């Protein structure tokens, strides 16, 4: 197996007597979709926040492309190539698709925003944004206000914003949330191709999508990883079936 792009080593986090993360070590390798699943309250969001830099772990390390980024904030980690999409959209809904993508490109450049309308004239940022939008299939929507997009298109735009950072790895937090059957099917197909741009750590409740996409699955229950393996290994693990998947697996 190739060297990991993203790793956690012994990540732990407690809130008083509640241990939200207990000595968690997982990794993500090139070309892979590694799904993180678990029941509500398992600690998935807490772990993702620690990996992304929004929450400092009590113990453990986060390694991105061989660099220890544990002490870095979310912006610094993004600039080093950690792309993230959110369960609840963080897009500027009144701005156009192009404007949202350009904000990502300008942020990646490390240059100050100044006034946004002036920023629109930055040819380099516009070129990066347009390339990202072409990659996700939103070229024809560049002038569209973001609130006019379908839910699935907004997910694609979030990926485009992340792509402007030239990501080495993606963290995706429930990208299928709010999508119907057809939307989930389309996004599943898109993510299947996106793994070749950068590997994806996928947090998802849609088990059809997880089983269709994941090369590996890690199961988190009460802040602990109880199993990691292929789809078949996880589906057939008695501890996983008891704790989470049940007979529907």
Foldseek 3Di string as FASTA:
>chain_A
DDDFQKWKAQFWAADVVATLAGGDIDTWHALFEEEEEEDPSLNPVVVVCQQQAVDQTPDIFMAGRRRTCNVPHNLVVLLVAEAEADPDHPFDQQQFLLLRLLVLLCSNVVDDCPDVVVSVPPPVSSVLLCVLCVLLVCNVRRRPRNNPDDLLVSLSSSVSSSVSSQHQEYEYAASCPPPDPVSLVVVLVSVSVCSNSHYYHYYHPPVVSCLVGHQKYFYGGSNYTPDIDGPVVQVPDPVNCVRPVPPVD
